[in-house]
Each structure stands twice: as C-alpha cells, then as structure tokens.
Amino acid sequence: VQLQASGGGLVQAGGSLRLSCTAPRAIFSTFMDYDMEWYRQAPGKQRELVAGITSRGITNYVDSVKGRFTMSRSNSKKTVYLQMNNLKPEDTAVYYCRGPDSWGQGTQVTVSS
C-alpha cells in the first residue's frame, strides 16, 4: 500500500510537531486491519522503531520518547499520526512510517537547541 508522510519541519527544543502518514489508495476496511509503525533514522545511525499502533489501537513506544510522543490513528481518514511534544535535539532525524508491506517516503524533523 502506498504511504505518504508529512508534517516534519524545524522546531526549537521544547516545541511540538505532528507527523501524519496517509494511505490514500488503501481500502478503508483493509486499512483498519493494518498495524502501523513510525521509525526514525538520524545521520550516521541505524533506523530505529519509535512507535507502533495495532489495528485495535494499542500503542507502544521506545523508551526515549515515552511520555513525549503519542501515536494515534483515524481509520476513516486512513491516516496515522505521531504527536511529538517536548522535542529534543536528539529527536532530529528523518521519520518514516511503515505499513504491512511498504514504507512512506520520510519526513525530516530538525530540533534546534
């Protein structure tokens, strides 16, 4: 399924951003069954799993973002979100959404100190 990520940008430390990942061509009833994930990759580092949400809305997070990031989904909009609050410079990375068989194109998040 094709995924389109958006919402990245430049923000000061302590600021917030909301990332979106949409599957515009997915069938609504099929999207509901998708487990979805957000990954990030900082320069010179491996891609890491940041957050995931199951088809039932159960979420999980890497320890470094717990309490600051919230992943959610809107099945009617065929979209998942990553609300990122209290951003830190170490959150700077390209963020990717991942579905059952594909990746989004990545969106850059830069946090200045």
N, C-alpha and C. Protein backbone atom coordinates (compact mmCIF):
# COMPACT_ATOMS: atom_id res chain seq x y z
N VAL A 1 0.85 -1.17 0.00
CA VAL A 1 0.00 0.00 0.00
C VAL A 1 0.89 1.23 0.00
N GLN A 2 0.55 2.25 -0.79
CA GLN A 2 1.34 3.48 -0.85
C GLN A 2 1.11 4.31 0.40
N LEU A 3 2.19 4.82 0.99
CA LEU A 3 2.10 5.64 2.20
C LEU A 3 2.73 7.00 1.93
N GLN A 4 2.07 8.03 2.44
CA GLN A 4 2.55 9.40 2.28
C GLN A 4 2.71 10.04 3.64
N ALA A 5 3.95 10.38 3.99
CA ALA A 5 4.25 11.00 5.28
C ALA A 5 4.43 12.50 5.11
N SER A 6 4.03 13.23 6.14
CA SER A 6 4.16 14.69 6.11
C SER A 6 4.21 15.22 7.53
N GLY A 7 4.51 16.52 7.65
CA GLY A 7 4.44 17.17 8.94
C GLY A 7 5.77 17.51 9.58
N GLY A 8 6.86 17.09 8.97
CA GLY A 8 8.16 17.41 9.54
C GLY A 8 8.48 18.89 9.41
N GLY A 9 9.57 19.29 10.04
CA GLY A 9 9.98 20.68 9.96
C GLY A 9 11.07 20.99 10.94
N LEU A 10 11.33 22.29 11.10
CA LEU A 10 12.35 22.78 12.02
C LEU A 10 11.65 23.38 13.23
N VAL A 11 12.06 22.97 14.41
CA VAL A 11 11.43 23.44 15.63
C VAL A 11 12.50 23.59 16.71
N GLN A 12 12.27 24.52 17.63
CA GLN A 12 13.19 24.68 18.74
C GLN A 12 12.95 23.60 19.79
N ALA A 13 13.96 23.32 20.55
CA ALA A 13 13.84 22.36 21.65
C ALA A 13 12.68 22.78 22.56
N GLY A 14 11.90 21.78 22.95
CA GLY A 14 10.71 22.04 23.75
C GLY A 14 9.45 22.23 22.94
N GLY A 15 9.61 22.35 21.63
CA GLY A 15 8.47 22.55 20.75
C GLY A 15 7.77 21.26 20.39
N SER A 16 6.78 21.38 19.51
CA SER A 16 5.95 20.24 19.12
C SER A 16 5.79 20.18 17.60
N LEU A 17 5.60 18.99 17.12
CA LEU A 17 5.24 18.73 15.73
C LEU A 17 4.27 17.55 15.70
N ARG A 18 3.45 17.51 14.67
CA ARG A 18 2.60 16.34 14.45
C ARG A 18 2.84 15.80 13.06
N LEU A 19 3.28 14.56 13.01
CA LEU A 19 3.50 13.88 11.74
C LEU A 19 2.24 13.12 11.35
N SER A 20 2.02 13.04 10.05
CA SER A 20 0.88 12.30 9.51
C SER A 20 1.38 11.30 8.48
N CYS A 21 0.71 10.19 8.39
CA CYS A 21 1.02 9.17 7.39
C CYS A 21 -0.30 8.67 6.84
N THR A 22 -0.51 8.91 5.56
CA THR A 22 -1.78 8.59 4.92
C THR A 22 -1.60 7.50 3.87
N ALA A 23 -2.59 6.65 3.78
CA ALA A 23 -2.62 5.61 2.74
C ALA A 23 -3.77 5.92 1.81
N PRO A 24 -3.58 6.84 0.89
CA PRO A 24 -4.69 7.36 0.10
C PRO A 24 -5.39 6.33 -0.78
N ARG A 25 -4.66 5.31 -1.18
CA ARG A 25 -5.25 4.32 -2.09
C ARG A 25 -5.72 3.06 -1.36
N ALA A 26 -5.54 3.04 -0.04
CA ALA A 26 -5.96 1.87 0.71
C ALA A 26 -7.48 1.82 0.79
N ILE A 27 -8.00 0.62 0.82
CA ILE A 27 -9.42 0.44 1.05
C ILE A 27 -9.67 0.60 2.54
N PHE A 28 -10.68 1.37 2.89
CA PHE A 28 -10.97 1.69 4.28
C PHE A 28 -11.01 0.44 5.16
N SER A 29 -11.73 -0.56 4.73
CA SER A 29 -11.90 -1.76 5.55
C SER A 29 -10.59 -2.53 5.70
N THR A 30 -9.69 -2.36 4.77
CA THR A 30 -8.38 -3.00 4.84
C THR A 30 -7.46 -2.21 5.74
N PHE A 31 -7.47 -0.89 5.64
CA PHE A 31 -6.61 -0.06 6.48
C PHE A 31 -6.88 -0.31 7.95
N MET A 32 -8.11 -0.57 8.29
CA MET A 32 -8.48 -0.82 9.69
C MET A 32 -7.67 -1.99 10.27
N ASP A 33 -7.29 -2.92 9.44
CA ASP A 33 -6.59 -4.11 9.90
C ASP A 33 -5.06 -3.94 9.95
N TYR A 34 -4.58 -2.78 9.51
CA TYR A 34 -3.13 -2.59 9.46
C TYR A 34 -2.56 -2.26 10.83
N ASP A 35 -1.47 -2.93 11.18
CA ASP A 35 -0.60 -2.43 12.24
C ASP A 35 0.36 -1.44 11.58
N MET A 36 0.56 -0.31 12.21
CA MET A 36 1.39 0.74 11.61
C MET A 36 2.50 1.14 12.58
N GLU A 37 3.59 1.64 12.03
CA GLU A 37 4.75 1.99 12.84
C GLU A 37 5.39 3.29 12.33
N TRP A 38 6.05 3.97 13.24
CA TRP A 38 6.93 5.09 12.91
C TRP A 38 8.36 4.70 13.26
N TYR A 39 9.25 4.95 12.35
CA TYR A 39 10.68 4.76 12.55
C TYR A 39 11.38 6.11 12.36
N ARG A 40 12.60 6.18 12.79
CA ARG A 40 13.41 7.34 12.50
C ARG A 40 14.86 6.92 12.27
N GLN A 41 15.54 7.75 11.49
CA GLN A 41 16.95 7.49 11.20
C GLN A 41 17.70 8.80 11.26
N ALA A 42 18.61 8.89 12.21
CA ALA A 42 19.47 10.06 12.35
C ALA A 42 20.74 9.84 11.53
N PRO A 43 21.42 10.91 11.15
CA PRO A 43 22.64 10.77 10.35
C PRO A 43 23.66 9.87 11.03
N GLY A 44 24.15 8.91 10.29
CA GLY A 44 25.17 8.02 10.82
C GLY A 44 24.66 6.95 11.75
N LYS A 45 23.35 6.87 11.93
CA LYS A 45 22.79 5.87 12.85
C LYS A 45 21.84 4.94 12.12
N GLN A 46 21.56 3.81 12.75
CA GLN A 46 20.62 2.86 12.18
C GLN A 46 19.18 3.35 12.37
N ARG A 47 18.34 2.91 11.48
CA ARG A 47 16.92 3.22 11.61
C ARG A 47 16.38 2.52 12.85
N GLU A 48 15.61 3.23 13.65
CA GLU A 48 15.07 2.66 14.87
C GLU A 48 13.55 2.82 14.92
N LEU A 49 12.92 1.84 15.55
CA LEU A 49 11.49 1.88 15.76
C LEU A 49 11.19 2.89 16.87
N VAL A 50 10.29 3.81 16.60
CA VAL A 50 9.92 4.84 17.56
C VAL A 50 8.60 4.52 18.23
N ALA A 51 7.60 4.14 17.44
CA ALA A 51 6.27 3.89 17.98
C ALA A 51 5.51 2.98 17.03
N GLY A 52 4.55 2.27 17.59
CA GLY A 52 3.69 1.42 16.80
C GLY A 52 2.27 1.45 17.32
N ILE A 53 1.34 1.15 16.44
CA ILE A 53 -0.07 1.07 16.84
C ILE A 53 -0.69 -0.12 16.13
N THR A 54 -1.41 -0.92 16.88
CA THR A 54 -2.05 -2.08 16.29
C THR A 54 -3.39 -1.70 15.67
N SER A 55 -3.99 -2.65 15.01
CA SER A 55 -5.31 -2.40 14.40
C SER A 55 -6.35 -2.07 15.47
N ARG A 56 -6.10 -2.52 16.67
CA ARG A 56 -7.03 -2.25 17.77
C ARG A 56 -6.69 -0.98 18.53
N GLY A 57 -5.64 -0.29 18.11
CA GLY A 57 -5.30 0.97 18.74
C GLY A 57 -4.35 0.86 19.91
N ILE A 58 -3.77 -0.30 20.11
CA ILE A 58 -2.79 -0.47 21.18
C ILE A 58 -1.46 0.09 20.71
N THR A 59 -0.86 0.93 21.54
CA THR A 59 0.37 1.60 21.16
C THR A 59 1.57 1.12 21.98
N ASN A 60 2.74 1.30 21.40
CA ASN A 60 3.97 1.03 22.13
C ASN A 60 5.01 2.03 21.65
N TYR A 61 5.98 2.32 22.52
CA TYR A 61 6.96 3.37 22.25
C TYR A 61 8.35 2.93 22.72
N VAL A 62 9.35 3.44 22.02
CA VAL A 62 10.71 3.28 22.51
C VAL A 62 10.85 4.13 23.77
N ASP A 63 11.68 3.69 24.69
CA ASP A 63 11.78 4.36 25.99
C ASP A 63 12.12 5.84 25.88
N SER A 64 12.92 6.20 24.91
CA SER A 64 13.40 7.58 24.81
C SER A 64 12.30 8.58 24.46
N VAL A 65 11.15 8.11 24.00
CA VAL A 65 10.06 9.03 23.63
C VAL A 65 8.82 8.86 24.50
N LYS A 66 8.84 7.91 25.39
CA LYS A 66 7.67 7.69 26.25
C LYS A 66 7.37 8.94 27.06
N GLY A 67 6.08 9.29 27.09
CA GLY A 67 5.67 10.49 27.81
C GLY A 67 5.75 11.75 26.98
N ARG A 68 6.39 11.68 25.82
CA ARG A 68 6.52 12.87 24.96
C ARG A 68 5.81 12.68 23.61
N PHE A 69 5.83 11.46 23.08
CA PHE A 69 5.23 11.17 21.78
C PHE A 69 3.95 10.38 21.97
N THR A 70 2.98 10.63 21.11
CA THR A 70 1.74 9.88 21.13
C THR A 70 1.36 9.51 19.70
N MET A 71 1.19 8.22 19.50
CA MET A 71 0.75 7.74 18.18
C MET A 71 -0.74 7.45 18.22
N SER A 72 -1.42 7.81 17.16
CA SER A 72 -2.86 7.57 17.08
C SER A 72 -3.24 7.28 15.63
N ARG A 73 -4.48 6.92 15.43
CA ARG A 73 -4.94 6.61 14.08
C ARG A 73 -6.37 7.08 13.87
N SER A 74 -6.66 7.42 12.62
CA SER A 74 -8.01 7.69 12.19
C SER A 74 -8.28 6.78 11.00
N ASN A 75 -9.03 5.73 11.24
CA ASN A 75 -9.29 4.78 10.16
C ASN A 75 -10.15 5.42 9.07
N SER A 76 -11.05 6.31 9.46
CA SER A 76 -11.90 6.95 8.45
C SER A 76 -11.09 7.81 7.50
N LYS A 77 -9.97 8.36 7.99
CA LYS A 77 -9.08 9.16 7.14
C LYS A 77 -7.91 8.34 6.61
N LYS A 78 -7.86 7.08 6.97
CA LYS A 78 -6.76 6.20 6.53
C LYS A 78 -5.41 6.84 6.85
N THR A 79 -5.31 7.31 8.08
CA THR A 79 -4.14 8.08 8.49
C THR A 79 -3.72 7.69 9.90
N VAL A 80 -2.41 7.64 10.12
CA VAL A 80 -1.87 7.54 11.47
C VAL A 80 -1.07 8.81 11.76
N TYR A 81 -0.98 9.13 13.03
CA TYR A 81 -0.34 10.36 13.45
C TYR A 81 0.74 10.06 14.49
N LEU A 82 1.70 10.96 14.58
CA LEU A 82 2.67 10.91 15.65
C LEU A 82 2.78 12.33 16.21
N GLN A 83 2.16 12.53 17.36
CA GLN A 83 2.24 13.82 18.04
C GLN A 83 3.51 13.83 18.87
N MET A 84 4.38 14.79 18.61
CA MET A 84 5.67 14.85 19.27
C MET A 84 5.75 16.14 20.07
N ASN A 85 5.81 16.00 21.37
CA ASN A 85 5.89 17.16 22.27
C ASN A 85 7.24 17.18 22.98
N ASN A 86 7.57 18.33 23.52
CA ASN A 86 8.82 18.50 24.25
C ASN A 86 10.00 17.92 23.46
N LEU A 87 10.09 18.32 22.23
CA LEU A 87 11.12 17.79 21.35
C LEU A 87 12.51 18.17 21.81
N LYS A 88 13.45 17.28 21.58
CA LYS A 88 14.84 17.45 21.98
C LYS A 88 15.74 17.38 20.74
N PRO A 89 16.91 17.98 20.79
CA PRO A 89 17.81 17.90 19.64
C PRO A 89 18.10 16.47 19.20
N GLU A 90 18.12 15.54 20.14
CA GLU A 90 18.38 14.15 19.78
C GLU A 90 17.22 13.48 19.06
N ASP A 91 16.10 14.16 18.95
CA ASP A 91 14.98 13.66 18.14
C ASP A 91 15.17 13.98 16.65
N THR A 92 16.18 14.77 16.33
CA THR A 92 16.43 15.12 14.95
C THR A 92 16.72 13.87 14.12
N ALA A 93 15.95 13.70 13.06
CA ALA A 93 16.08 12.51 12.22
C ALA A 93 15.09 12.62 11.06
N VAL A 94 15.23 11.71 10.12
CA VAL A 94 14.18 11.51 9.12
C VAL A 94 13.23 10.46 9.69
N TYR A 95 11.95 10.80 9.69
CA TYR A 95 10.94 9.92 10.24
C TYR A 95 10.18 9.23 9.11
N TYR A 96 10.02 7.92 9.26
CA TYR A 96 9.36 7.10 8.25
C TYR A 96 8.17 6.38 8.87
N CYS A 97 7.09 6.32 8.15
CA CYS A 97 6.01 5.43 8.58
C CYS A 97 6.13 4.12 7.80
N ARG A 98 5.64 3.09 8.45
CA ARG A 98 5.71 1.76 7.85
C ARG A 98 4.38 1.06 8.01
N GLY A 99 3.93 0.47 6.91
CA GLY A 99 2.71 -0.32 6.92
C GLY A 99 3.04 -1.78 6.74
N PRO A 100 2.06 -2.60 6.46
CA PRO A 100 2.28 -4.05 6.37
C PRO A 100 3.19 -4.47 5.23
N ASP A 101 3.28 -3.63 4.18
CA ASP A 101 4.10 -4.06 3.05
C ASP A 101 4.85 -2.91 2.39
N SER A 102 4.95 -1.77 3.07
CA SER A 102 5.62 -0.65 2.43
C SER A 102 6.04 0.40 3.45
N TRP A 103 6.89 1.33 2.98
CA TRP A 103 7.38 2.45 3.76
C TRP A 103 6.91 3.76 3.11
N GLY A 104 6.69 4.76 3.95
CA GLY A 104 6.49 6.10 3.44
C GLY A 104 7.82 6.70 3.02
N GLN A 105 7.77 7.88 2.43
CA GLN A 105 8.97 8.46 1.85
C GLN A 105 9.88 9.16 2.85
N GLY A 106 9.45 9.34 4.07
CA GLY A 106 10.29 10.01 5.07
C GLY A 106 10.01 11.49 5.14
N THR A 107 10.04 12.02 6.35
CA THR A 107 9.86 13.45 6.55
C THR A 107 10.89 13.91 7.58
N GLN A 108 11.58 15.01 7.28
CA GLN A 108 12.69 15.46 8.11
C GLN A 108 12.18 16.24 9.32
N VAL A 109 12.68 15.87 10.48
CA VAL A 109 12.42 16.60 11.72
C VAL A 109 13.76 17.11 12.24
N THR A 110 13.87 18.41 12.43
CA THR A 110 15.08 19.01 12.94
C THR A 110 14.74 19.83 14.18
N VAL A 111 15.41 19.52 15.28
CA VAL A 111 15.18 20.21 16.54
C VAL A 111 16.44 20.98 16.91
N SER A 112 16.30 22.28 17.00
CA SER A 112 17.46 23.12 17.34
C SER A 112 17.52 23.35 18.84
N SER A 113 18.74 23.48 19.32
CA SER A 113 18.91 23.67 20.77
C SER A 113 18.90 25.15 21.14
